[in-house]
N, C-alpha and C. Protein backbone atom coordinates (compact mmCIF):
# COMPACT_ATOMS: atom_id res chain seq x y z
N MET A 1 1.24 -1.54 -0.26
CA MET A 1 0.00 -0.01 -0.17
C MET A 1 0.80 1.35 0.40
N ASP A 2 0.27 2.38 -0.57
CA ASP A 2 1.04 3.52 -0.61
C ASP A 2 1.08 4.52 0.10
N LEU A 3 0.96 5.30 0.34
CA LEU A 3 1.28 6.03 1.29
C LEU A 3 0.26 7.30 1.02
N GLU A 4 -1.16 7.07 0.36
CA GLU A 4 -2.66 7.80 0.06
C GLU A 4 -2.81 7.04 0.37
N THR A 5 -3.51 5.98 0.41
CA THR A 5 -3.61 4.72 0.93
C THR A 5 -3.87 4.91 2.45
N ILE A 6 -2.46 4.29 2.85
CA ILE A 6 -2.98 4.33 4.57
C ILE A 6 -3.80 5.91 4.95
N LEU A 7 -3.05 7.42 4.36
CA LEU A 7 -3.26 8.61 4.79
C LEU A 7 -5.28 8.18 4.92
N PHE A 8 -6.01 7.60 3.65
CA PHE A 8 -6.77 7.49 2.93
C PHE A 8 -7.45 7.23 4.72
N TYR A 9 -7.13 5.66 4.50
CA TYR A 9 -7.60 4.82 5.55
C TYR A 9 -7.56 5.61 7.04
N PHE A 10 -6.44 6.49 7.38
CA PHE A 10 -6.95 6.75 8.62
C PHE A 10 -7.62 8.24 8.51
N PHE A 11 -7.63 8.83 7.31
CA PHE A 11 -8.84 9.60 7.84
C PHE A 11 -10.19 8.92 7.96
N MET A 12 -11.01 7.73 7.27
CA MET A 12 -12.27 7.26 7.22
C MET A 12 -12.15 6.69 8.79
N GLY A 13 -10.88 6.48 9.28
CA GLY A 13 -10.81 5.18 10.67
C GLY A 13 -11.39 6.37 11.70
N LEU A 14 -10.75 7.62 11.20
CA LEU A 14 -10.65 8.83 12.47
C LEU A 14 -11.96 9.41 13.00
N THR A 15 -13.11 9.47 11.28
CA THR A 15 -13.65 9.68 10.85
C THR A 15 -14.67 8.69 11.31
N CYS A 16 -15.01 7.67 11.69
CA CYS A 16 -16.13 6.51 11.83
C CYS A 16 -15.38 5.92 13.46
N LEU A 17 -14.41 6.11 14.16
CA LEU A 17 -14.74 6.31 15.52
C LEU A 17 -15.13 7.15 16.28
N SER A 18 -14.74 8.27 15.88
CA SER A 18 -14.86 9.26 16.54
C SER A 18 -16.53 9.87 16.90
N VAL A 19 -17.01 9.50 14.97
CA VAL A 19 -18.70 9.30 14.98
C VAL A 19 -19.79 8.33 16.02
N LEU A 20 -18.78 6.85 16.26
CA LEU A 20 -19.36 6.33 17.09
C LEU A 20 -19.59 6.99 18.18
N TYR A 21 -17.97 7.63 18.32
CA TYR A 21 -17.80 7.93 20.49
C TYR A 21 -19.29 9.36 20.23
N ILE A 22 -19.05 9.31 19.49
CA ILE A 22 -19.70 10.39 19.77
C ILE A 22 -21.50 9.93 20.15
N ALA A 23 -21.79 8.92 19.26
CA ALA A 23 -22.83 8.41 19.68
C ALA A 23 -22.42 7.51 20.78
N TRP A 24 -22.54 6.70 21.25
CA TRP A 24 -22.09 6.01 22.84
C TRP A 24 -21.52 6.72 24.16
N THR A 25 -21.24 7.87 23.76
CA THR A 25 -20.84 8.19 25.55
C THR A 25 -22.03 9.33 25.72
N LYS A 26 -21.75 9.50 27.21
CA LYS A 26 -22.78 10.13 27.58
C LYS A 26 -21.97 11.78 28.20
N ASN A 27 -21.08 12.02 27.81
CA ASN A 27 -20.85 12.91 28.86
C ASN A 27 -20.95 14.23 27.18
N ILE A 28 -21.94 14.93 27.24
CA ILE A 28 -21.48 16.23 25.81
C ILE A 28 -20.69 16.68 25.89
N LEU A 29 -19.33 17.14 26.35
CA LEU A 29 -18.36 17.86 26.44
C LEU A 29 -17.26 16.80 25.60
N TYR A 30 -17.23 15.17 25.95
CA TYR A 30 -16.76 14.83 25.51
C TYR A 30 -17.07 14.38 23.92
N ALA A 31 -17.98 14.55 23.49
CA ALA A 31 -19.01 14.60 22.89
C ALA A 31 -18.73 15.65 21.74
N ALA A 32 -18.43 16.86 22.39
CA ALA A 32 -18.36 17.97 21.18
C ALA A 32 -17.21 17.34 20.75
N PHE A 33 -15.62 17.24 21.43
CA PHE A 33 -14.11 17.00 21.40
C PHE A 33 -14.45 16.29 20.14
N ALA A 34 -14.76 14.75 20.50
CA ALA A 34 -14.98 13.48 19.19
C ALA A 34 -15.57 14.35 18.22
N LEU A 35 -16.62 15.22 17.99
CA LEU A 35 -16.71 16.09 16.82
C LEU A 35 -15.77 16.76 16.21
N MET A 36 -14.87 17.44 17.11
CA MET A 36 -13.61 17.88 15.57
C MET A 36 -12.91 17.25 15.77
N LEU A 37 -12.69 15.20 16.36
CA LEU A 37 -11.93 15.20 15.39
C LEU A 37 -12.31 14.08 14.18
N THR A 38 -14.09 14.64 14.19
CA THR A 38 -14.78 13.73 13.02
C THR A 38 -14.90 14.88 11.42
N PHE A 39 -14.75 16.09 12.09
CA PHE A 39 -14.80 17.42 11.80
C PHE A 39 -13.80 17.55 10.71
N LEU A 40 -12.36 17.32 11.05
CA LEU A 40 -11.24 17.17 10.99
C LEU A 40 -10.73 15.69 10.14
N GLY A 41 -11.40 14.58 10.45
CA GLY A 41 -11.54 13.67 9.92
C GLY A 41 -12.39 14.11 7.78
N MET A 42 -13.48 14.38 7.82
CA MET A 42 -13.95 14.63 7.12
C MET A 42 -13.02 15.59 5.95
N ALA A 43 -12.72 16.77 7.01
CA ALA A 43 -11.49 17.55 6.30
C ALA A 43 -9.99 16.97 5.53
N GLY A 44 -9.70 15.55 5.47
CA GLY A 44 -8.68 15.19 5.62
C GLY A 44 -9.76 14.50 3.66
N LEU A 45 -10.20 13.51 4.11
CA LEU A 45 -11.36 12.75 3.21
C LEU A 45 -11.76 14.04 1.72
N PHE A 46 -12.39 14.98 2.54
CA PHE A 46 -12.35 16.14 1.04
C PHE A 46 -10.96 16.83 0.40
N VAL A 47 -9.62 15.94 0.84
CA VAL A 47 -8.51 16.85 0.21
C VAL A 47 -8.29 15.70 -0.23
N PHE A 48 -8.75 14.11 -0.22
CA PHE A 48 -8.29 12.74 -1.09
C PHE A 48 -9.75 12.90 -2.37
N LEU A 49 -11.08 13.84 -1.55
CA LEU A 49 -11.93 14.50 -3.16
C LEU A 49 -11.43 15.61 -3.60
N GLY A 50 -10.48 15.83 -3.99
CA GLY A 50 -9.78 17.07 -4.55
C GLY A 50 -10.61 17.47 -4.12
N ALA A 51 -11.29 18.12 -3.29
CA ALA A 51 -11.95 20.23 -3.23
C ALA A 51 -11.45 20.40 -1.66
N GLU A 52 -9.91 20.46 -2.11
CA GLU A 52 -9.46 21.26 -1.02
C GLU A 52 -9.82 22.66 -0.91
N PHE A 53 -10.57 23.22 -1.47
CA PHE A 53 -11.72 24.10 -0.36
C PHE A 53 -12.52 23.89 0.96
N LEU A 54 -13.38 23.06 0.10
CA LEU A 54 -14.11 22.14 1.31
C LEU A 54 -13.45 22.25 2.80
N ALA A 55 -12.60 21.28 2.25
CA ALA A 55 -11.69 21.11 3.34
C ALA A 55 -11.22 22.02 4.70
N ILE A 56 -10.63 23.28 4.09
CA ILE A 56 -10.38 23.95 3.96
C ILE A 56 -11.72 25.28 5.05
N THR A 57 -13.06 24.89 4.03
CA THR A 57 -13.48 25.70 4.96
C THR A 57 -14.10 25.05 5.91
N GLN A 58 -13.63 23.80 5.78
CA GLN A 58 -14.61 22.78 6.94
C GLN A 58 -13.99 23.20 8.45
N ILE A 59 -12.13 23.33 8.02
CA ILE A 59 -11.43 23.86 9.26
C ILE A 59 -11.86 24.51 10.10
N VAL A 60 -12.11 25.98 9.01
CA VAL A 60 -12.19 27.19 9.44
C VAL A 60 -13.59 26.98 10.39
N VAL A 61 -14.87 27.00 9.57
CA VAL A 61 -15.33 26.83 10.16
C VAL A 61 -16.42 26.58 11.14
N TYR A 62 -15.83 25.28 10.45
CA TYR A 62 -16.58 24.21 11.75
C TYR A 62 -15.92 24.02 12.63
N VAL A 63 -14.09 24.01 12.73
CA VAL A 63 -13.68 23.58 13.90
C VAL A 63 -13.50 25.18 14.75
N GLY A 64 -12.62 25.51 13.50
CA GLY A 64 -12.55 27.34 14.30
C GLY A 64 -13.02 27.86 14.92
N GLY A 65 -14.47 28.34 14.75
CA GLY A 65 -15.62 29.02 14.16
C GLY A 65 -16.58 27.74 15.87
N ILE A 66 -17.76 27.44 14.17
CA ILE A 66 -18.76 27.02 15.24
C ILE A 66 -18.86 25.91 16.72
N LEU A 67 -17.62 25.36 16.30
CA LEU A 67 -17.35 24.42 17.70
C LEU A 67 -16.74 25.21 18.64
N ILE A 68 -15.85 25.32 18.31
CA ILE A 68 -15.25 25.82 19.56
C ILE A 68 -16.52 27.00 20.38
N LEU A 69 -17.27 27.57 19.88
CA LEU A 69 -18.35 28.56 20.40
C LEU A 69 -18.51 27.03 21.10
N ILE A 70 -19.78 26.54 20.96
CA ILE A 70 -20.02 25.31 21.25
C ILE A 70 -19.78 25.04 22.55
N ILE A 71 -18.25 24.51 22.50
CA ILE A 71 -17.34 24.32 23.70
C ILE A 71 -17.64 25.14 24.63
N PHE A 72 -17.26 26.42 23.69
CA PHE A 72 -17.32 27.51 25.37
C PHE A 72 -18.91 27.75 25.81
N GLY A 73 -19.79 27.62 25.37
CA GLY A 73 -20.80 27.47 25.69
C GLY A 73 -21.03 26.52 27.11
N MET A 74 -20.55 25.34 26.84
CA MET A 74 -21.34 24.12 27.17
C MET A 74 -20.38 24.51 28.88
N MET A 75 -18.81 24.64 28.60
CA MET A 75 -17.77 25.02 29.64
C MET A 75 -19.17 26.01 30.76
N LEU A 76 -19.43 27.38 29.98
CA LEU A 76 -20.10 28.59 31.03
C LEU A 76 -21.63 28.17 31.19
N THR A 77 -22.62 27.32 30.66
CA THR A 77 -23.51 26.35 30.98
C THR A 77 -23.21 25.42 32.59
N ASN A 78 -21.70 23.80 32.09
CA ASN A 78 -22.23 23.92 32.86
C ASN A 78 -21.83 23.71 34.62
N LYS A 79 -21.27 25.98 34.19
CA LYS A 79 -20.82 26.49 35.85
C LYS A 79 -22.07 26.69 35.91
N LEU A 80 -22.83 26.76 35.98
CA LEU A 80 -24.50 27.69 35.70
C LEU A 80 -24.69 26.70 36.92
N SER A 81 -24.90 25.46 37.02
CA SER A 81 -25.74 24.79 37.83
C SER A 81 -24.95 23.59 38.31
N ASP A 82 -23.52 23.95 38.18
CA ASP A 82 -22.92 22.45 39.12
C ASP A 82 -23.27 21.13 38.75
N LYS A 83 -24.06 20.83 37.97
CA LYS A 83 -23.86 19.83 37.53
C LYS A 83 -23.71 19.22 35.80
N LYS A 84 -22.83 18.08 35.96
CA LYS A 84 -22.75 17.34 34.75
C LYS A 84 -23.62 17.22 33.40
N LEU A 85 -23.12 17.90 32.16
CA LEU A 85 -24.12 17.55 31.19
C LEU A 85 -23.89 16.59 30.28
N VAL A 86 -24.94 14.90 30.85
CA VAL A 86 -25.21 13.55 30.22
C VAL A 86 -25.99 13.89 29.63
N THR A 87 -25.88 12.66 28.68
CA THR A 87 -27.63 12.97 27.67
C THR A 87 -27.75 10.88 28.46
N GLN A 88 -29.40 10.75 28.25
CA GLN A 88 -30.08 10.03 28.70
C GLN A 88 -30.17 8.86 27.96
N ARG A 89 -30.83 7.48 28.72
CA ARG A 89 -30.65 5.88 27.25
C ARG A 89 -31.24 7.00 26.54
N TYR A 90 -32.29 7.21 26.88
CA TYR A 90 -33.54 6.51 25.50
C TYR A 90 -33.48 7.90 24.36
N GLN A 91 -32.63 9.19 25.21
CA GLN A 91 -32.11 9.76 24.10
C GLN A 91 -31.30 9.11 22.72
N LEU A 92 -30.24 8.04 23.39
CA LEU A 92 -29.28 7.79 22.19
C LEU A 92 -30.68 6.94 21.76
N GLY A 93 -31.11 5.52 22.10
CA GLY A 93 -32.52 4.95 20.66
C GLY A 93 -32.90 5.95 20.03
N ILE A 94 -33.25 7.12 20.14
CA ILE A 94 -34.01 7.58 19.42
C ILE A 94 -32.79 8.87 17.93
N GLY A 95 -31.75 8.75 18.70
CA GLY A 95 -30.41 9.31 17.44
C GLY A 95 -30.17 7.85 16.93
N VAL A 96 -30.18 7.56 17.62
CA VAL A 96 -29.74 5.77 16.65
C VAL A 96 -30.83 5.66 15.59
N LEU A 97 -32.14 5.44 16.03
CA LEU A 97 -33.37 5.55 15.19
C LEU A 97 -33.09 6.40 14.09
N ILE A 98 -33.00 7.84 14.22
CA ILE A 98 -32.94 9.30 13.37
C ILE A 98 -31.54 9.22 12.18
N ALA A 99 -30.79 8.40 12.79
CA ALA A 99 -29.79 8.12 12.12
C ALA A 99 -29.55 6.92 10.49
N ILE A 100 -30.09 5.81 11.31
CA ILE A 100 -30.32 4.85 10.72
C ILE A 100 -32.04 5.41 9.21
N GLY A 101 -32.81 6.37 9.91
CA GLY A 101 -33.46 7.04 8.79
C GLY A 101 -32.51 7.75 7.87
N LEU A 102 -31.62 8.81 8.59
CA LEU A 102 -31.17 9.74 7.61
C LEU A 102 -29.76 9.06 6.81
N GLY A 103 -29.55 8.00 7.25
CA GLY A 103 -28.36 6.70 6.39
C GLY A 103 -29.27 6.28 5.41
N TYR A 104 -30.45 5.65 5.25
CA TYR A 104 -31.61 4.90 4.85
C TYR A 104 -31.54 6.11 2.86
N VAL A 105 -32.70 7.43 3.56
CA VAL A 105 -32.60 8.18 2.94
C VAL A 105 -31.31 8.89 1.82
N LEU A 106 -30.03 8.75 2.20
CA LEU A 106 -29.08 9.52 1.90
C LEU A 106 -28.25 8.11 1.02
N ILE A 107 -28.62 7.18 1.83
CA ILE A 107 -28.50 5.82 0.34
C ILE A 107 -29.05 5.99 -0.59
N ARG A 108 -30.99 5.62 -0.53
CA ARG A 108 -31.36 5.98 -1.99
C ARG A 108 -31.11 7.23 -2.72
N LEU A 109 -30.90 8.56 -2.01
CA LEU A 109 -30.54 9.52 -2.92
C LEU A 109 -28.83 9.13 -3.98
N ILE A 110 -28.16 8.74 -3.33
CA ILE A 110 -26.73 8.05 -3.76
C ILE A 110 -26.82 7.45 -4.82
N ALA A 111 -28.11 6.38 -4.83
CA ALA A 111 -28.33 5.41 -5.38
C ALA A 111 -28.53 5.76 -7.16
N ASN A 112 -29.73 7.05 -6.45
CA ASN A 112 -30.39 7.67 -7.74
C ASN A 112 -30.45 8.55 -8.72
N GLY A 113 -29.88 9.67 -7.95
CA GLY A 113 -28.81 10.62 -8.15
C GLY A 113 -27.86 10.11 -9.66
N ALA A 114 -28.10 11.08 -10.29
CA ALA A 114 -28.07 11.44 -11.93
C ALA A 114 -26.33 12.36 -11.81
N PHE A 115 -25.37 12.00 -11.02
CA PHE A 115 -23.71 13.02 -10.54
C PHE A 115 -23.42 13.27 -12.40
N ARG A 116 -23.12 12.25 -12.95
CA ARG A 116 -22.66 13.60 -14.04
C ARG A 116 -22.71 13.93 -14.90
N ASN A 117 -24.37 14.03 -15.09
CA ASN A 117 -25.10 15.37 -15.33
C ASN A 117 -24.63 16.58 -14.57
N LEU A 118 -24.58 16.54 -13.90
CA LEU A 118 -23.95 17.48 -12.69
C LEU A 118 -22.89 18.68 -13.55
N VAL A 119 -22.56 20.10 -14.12
CA VAL A 119 -22.00 20.72 -14.52
C VAL A 119 -20.37 20.48 -13.84
N TRP A 120 -20.63 21.03 -12.17
CA TRP A 120 -20.03 21.19 -11.76
C TRP A 120 -18.47 20.14 -11.31
N MET A 121 -19.19 19.09 -11.72
CA MET A 121 -18.81 17.84 -11.51
C MET A 121 -17.63 17.45 -12.38
N ASP A 122 -17.18 18.46 -13.83
CA ASP A 122 -16.61 17.86 -14.43
C ASP A 122 -15.42 18.43 -13.89
N ARG A 123 -13.93 18.12 -13.98
CA ARG A 123 -13.10 18.62 -13.64
C ARG A 123 -12.60 19.48 -14.32
N SER A 124 -12.84 19.98 -15.12
CA SER A 124 -11.91 20.61 -16.65
C SER A 124 -12.94 22.45 -15.99
N HIS A 125 -13.42 22.56 -15.00
CA HIS A 125 -14.56 23.44 -14.90
C HIS A 125 -14.06 24.17 -13.09
N THR A 126 -13.67 23.61 -12.65
CA THR A 126 -12.71 24.09 -11.64
C THR A 126 -11.25 24.27 -11.75
N THR A 127 -11.03 25.65 -11.99
CA THR A 127 -9.68 26.08 -12.26
C THR A 127 -9.37 26.94 -10.54
N THR A 128 -8.08 27.52 -10.77
CA THR A 128 -7.31 28.04 -9.56
C THR A 128 -8.10 29.97 -9.84
N ALA A 129 -8.70 29.95 -10.67
CA ALA A 129 -8.93 31.60 -11.07
C ALA A 129 -9.91 31.63 -10.68
N GLY A 130 -11.20 30.33 -10.46
CA GLY A 130 -12.09 30.30 -9.60
C GLY A 130 -12.27 30.70 -8.28
N LEU A 131 -11.00 29.96 -8.16
CA LEU A 131 -11.07 30.55 -6.04
C LEU A 131 -10.59 31.58 -6.13
N LYS A 132 -9.49 31.63 -7.19
CA LYS A 132 -9.57 33.54 -7.08
C LYS A 132 -9.97 34.81 -6.48
N ALA A 133 -11.10 34.16 -7.32
CA ALA A 133 -12.00 35.45 -7.56
C ALA A 133 -14.14 34.73 -6.94
N LEU A 134 -13.05 33.86 -6.48
CA LEU A 134 -14.32 34.21 -5.34
C LEU A 134 -13.52 34.24 -3.85
N GLY A 135 -12.19 34.61 -4.19
CA GLY A 135 -12.18 34.97 -2.47
C GLY A 135 -11.19 36.33 -2.34
N MET A 136 -11.56 37.28 -4.12
CA MET A 136 -11.77 38.20 -3.49
C MET A 136 -12.91 38.97 -3.69
N GLN A 137 -14.25 38.26 -3.90
CA GLN A 137 -15.18 38.62 -4.25
C GLN A 137 -15.55 38.53 -1.91
N LEU A 138 -15.36 37.19 -1.68
CA LEU A 138 -15.65 36.98 0.03
C LEU A 138 -14.53 38.44 0.85
N MET A 139 -13.43 38.75 0.35
CA MET A 139 -12.61 39.82 1.31
C MET A 139 -13.15 41.37 0.43
N THR A 140 -13.62 41.37 -0.60
CA THR A 140 -14.45 42.28 -1.22
C THR A 140 -15.55 43.22 -0.83
N GLN A 141 -16.47 42.08 -1.78
CA GLN A 141 -18.23 42.11 -1.68
C GLN A 141 -18.74 42.13 -0.44
N TYR A 142 -18.08 41.48 0.25
CA TYR A 142 -18.81 40.45 1.55
C TYR A 142 -17.86 40.66 2.92
N VAL A 143 -17.42 41.67 3.00
CA VAL A 143 -16.68 41.84 3.96
C VAL A 143 -17.33 42.53 5.16
N LEU A 144 -17.86 43.67 4.76
CA LEU A 144 -18.82 43.64 6.07
C LEU A 144 -19.57 42.71 6.40
N ALA A 145 -20.57 41.84 5.71
CA ALA A 145 -20.64 40.56 6.13
C ALA A 145 -19.99 39.45 7.24
N PHE A 146 -19.01 39.48 6.76
CA PHE A 146 -18.00 39.00 7.56
C PHE A 146 -17.69 39.11 8.88
N GLU A 147 -17.85 40.94 8.97
CA GLU A 147 -17.18 41.45 10.26
C GLU A 147 -18.76 41.65 11.02
N ILE A 148 -19.80 41.55 10.33
CA ILE A 148 -20.82 41.42 11.46
C ILE A 148 -20.75 40.85 11.90
N ILE A 149 -21.11 39.29 11.31
CA ILE A 149 -20.67 37.73 11.75
C ILE A 149 -19.83 38.04 12.88
N GLY A 150 -18.63 38.56 12.84
CA GLY A 150 -17.46 38.48 14.31
C GLY A 150 -18.42 39.27 14.96
N LEU A 151 -19.26 39.96 14.55
CA LEU A 151 -18.82 40.88 16.28
C LEU A 151 -19.55 40.83 16.73
N LEU A 152 -21.86 40.39 16.39
CA LEU A 152 -21.67 38.94 16.85
C LEU A 152 -21.61 38.70 17.98
N LEU A 153 -20.53 37.20 17.40
CA LEU A 153 -19.62 36.34 17.97
C LEU A 153 -19.13 37.21 19.04
N LEU A 154 -18.73 37.54 19.04
CA LEU A 154 -18.20 38.82 19.77
C LEU A 154 -18.72 39.48 21.30
N ILE A 155 -20.19 39.56 20.83
CA ILE A 155 -20.96 40.43 21.43
C ILE A 155 -21.52 38.76 22.44
N ALA A 156 -21.64 37.99 21.83
CA ALA A 156 -22.37 36.82 22.24
C ALA A 156 -21.39 36.17 23.06
N LEU A 157 -20.48 35.84 22.58
CA LEU A 157 -19.42 35.75 23.99
C LEU A 157 -19.12 36.39 25.38
N ILE A 158 -18.94 37.60 24.99
CA ILE A 158 -19.10 38.56 25.88
C ILE A 158 -20.07 38.79 27.07
N GLY A 159 -21.30 38.42 26.23
CA GLY A 159 -22.98 38.57 26.68
C GLY A 159 -22.87 37.39 27.93
N ALA A 160 -22.35 35.48 27.73
CA ALA A 160 -21.77 34.43 28.31
C ALA A 160 -21.29 34.72 29.40
N LEU A 161 -20.10 35.54 28.99
CA LEU A 161 -19.26 35.57 30.60
C LEU A 161 -19.95 36.67 31.34
N TYR A 162 -20.50 38.21 30.38
CA TYR A 162 -21.12 38.07 32.16
C TYR A 162 -21.69 37.78 32.77
N ILE A 163 -22.96 36.78 32.25
CA ILE A 163 -23.44 36.19 33.04
C ILE A 163 -23.33 35.03 33.67
N ALA A 164 -21.90 34.22 33.51
CA ALA A 164 -21.39 33.47 33.81
C ALA A 164 -20.71 34.12 35.49
N GLY A 165 -20.40 35.27 35.50
CA GLY A 165 -19.90 35.83 36.34
C GLY A 165 -20.38 36.85 36.83
N LYS A 166 -21.87 37.29 36.60
CA LYS A 166 -22.73 37.51 37.25
C LYS A 166 -23.75 36.38 38.27
N VAL A 167 -23.61 35.08 37.63
CA VAL A 167 -24.00 34.65 38.88
C VAL A 167 -22.90 33.57 39.77
N ARG A 168 -22.22 33.60 39.11
CA ARG A 168 -20.40 32.99 40.56
C ARG A 168 -21.07 34.13 41.97
N LYS A 169 -20.77 35.48 41.39
CA LYS A 169 -21.47 36.48 42.33
C LYS A 169 -22.07 36.06 43.20
N GLU A 170 -23.72 36.30 42.52
CA GLU A 170 -23.97 35.13 43.72
C GLU A 170 -24.39 34.55 44.54
N GLU A 171 -23.43 33.22 43.34
CA GLU A 171 -23.18 32.22 44.70
C GLU A 171 -22.31 32.72 45.30
N SER A 172 -21.56 33.20 45.86
CA SER A 172 -20.10 33.54 46.51
C SER A 172 -20.84 34.51 47.61
N HIS A 173 -22.05 34.97 47.13
CA HIS A 173 -22.64 36.05 48.10
C HIS A 173 -23.25 35.27 49.42
N ALA A 174 -23.87 34.20 48.72
CA ALA A 174 -25.47 33.49 48.77
C ALA A 174 -24.63 32.37 50.56
N ALA A 175 -22.85 32.46 49.85
CA ALA A 175 -22.30 31.21 50.82
C ALA A 175 -21.85 32.00 51.88
């Protein structure tokens, strides 16, 4: 086996194992960290599919932004109630049933899809000039939207810190 095949199986195994860990763990914080490994494994698989832009977007948006915000929020809410965030057994069963149903629908869609007829599936249309134009649009035409989103996330984090600090002060005065 060559190095490319070994790396593909590594990312596939990382993704599968972390998804199974998410499904079976009762600790939500550990599940969030396993979700980060899932996102990184998916980014690696995107690279093997030739979708480097999707891989980078996966890492920047999901791992760098959304997942860190989720973990930060869970850590703050865990401090508020002094209870561990764990899932119940029936939630695991419901999750497995939903996953089986969605998996069935996804397999049916892939089996019946006519992917060869899609224009963007042709490799000759993907050029670095297209990515350069996309990058220029994101950093010129849509830069205000990115700045506003960053500001909203900052305000949400400051608000969460304020609420967590206020509750902690009330607990120390009560004791």
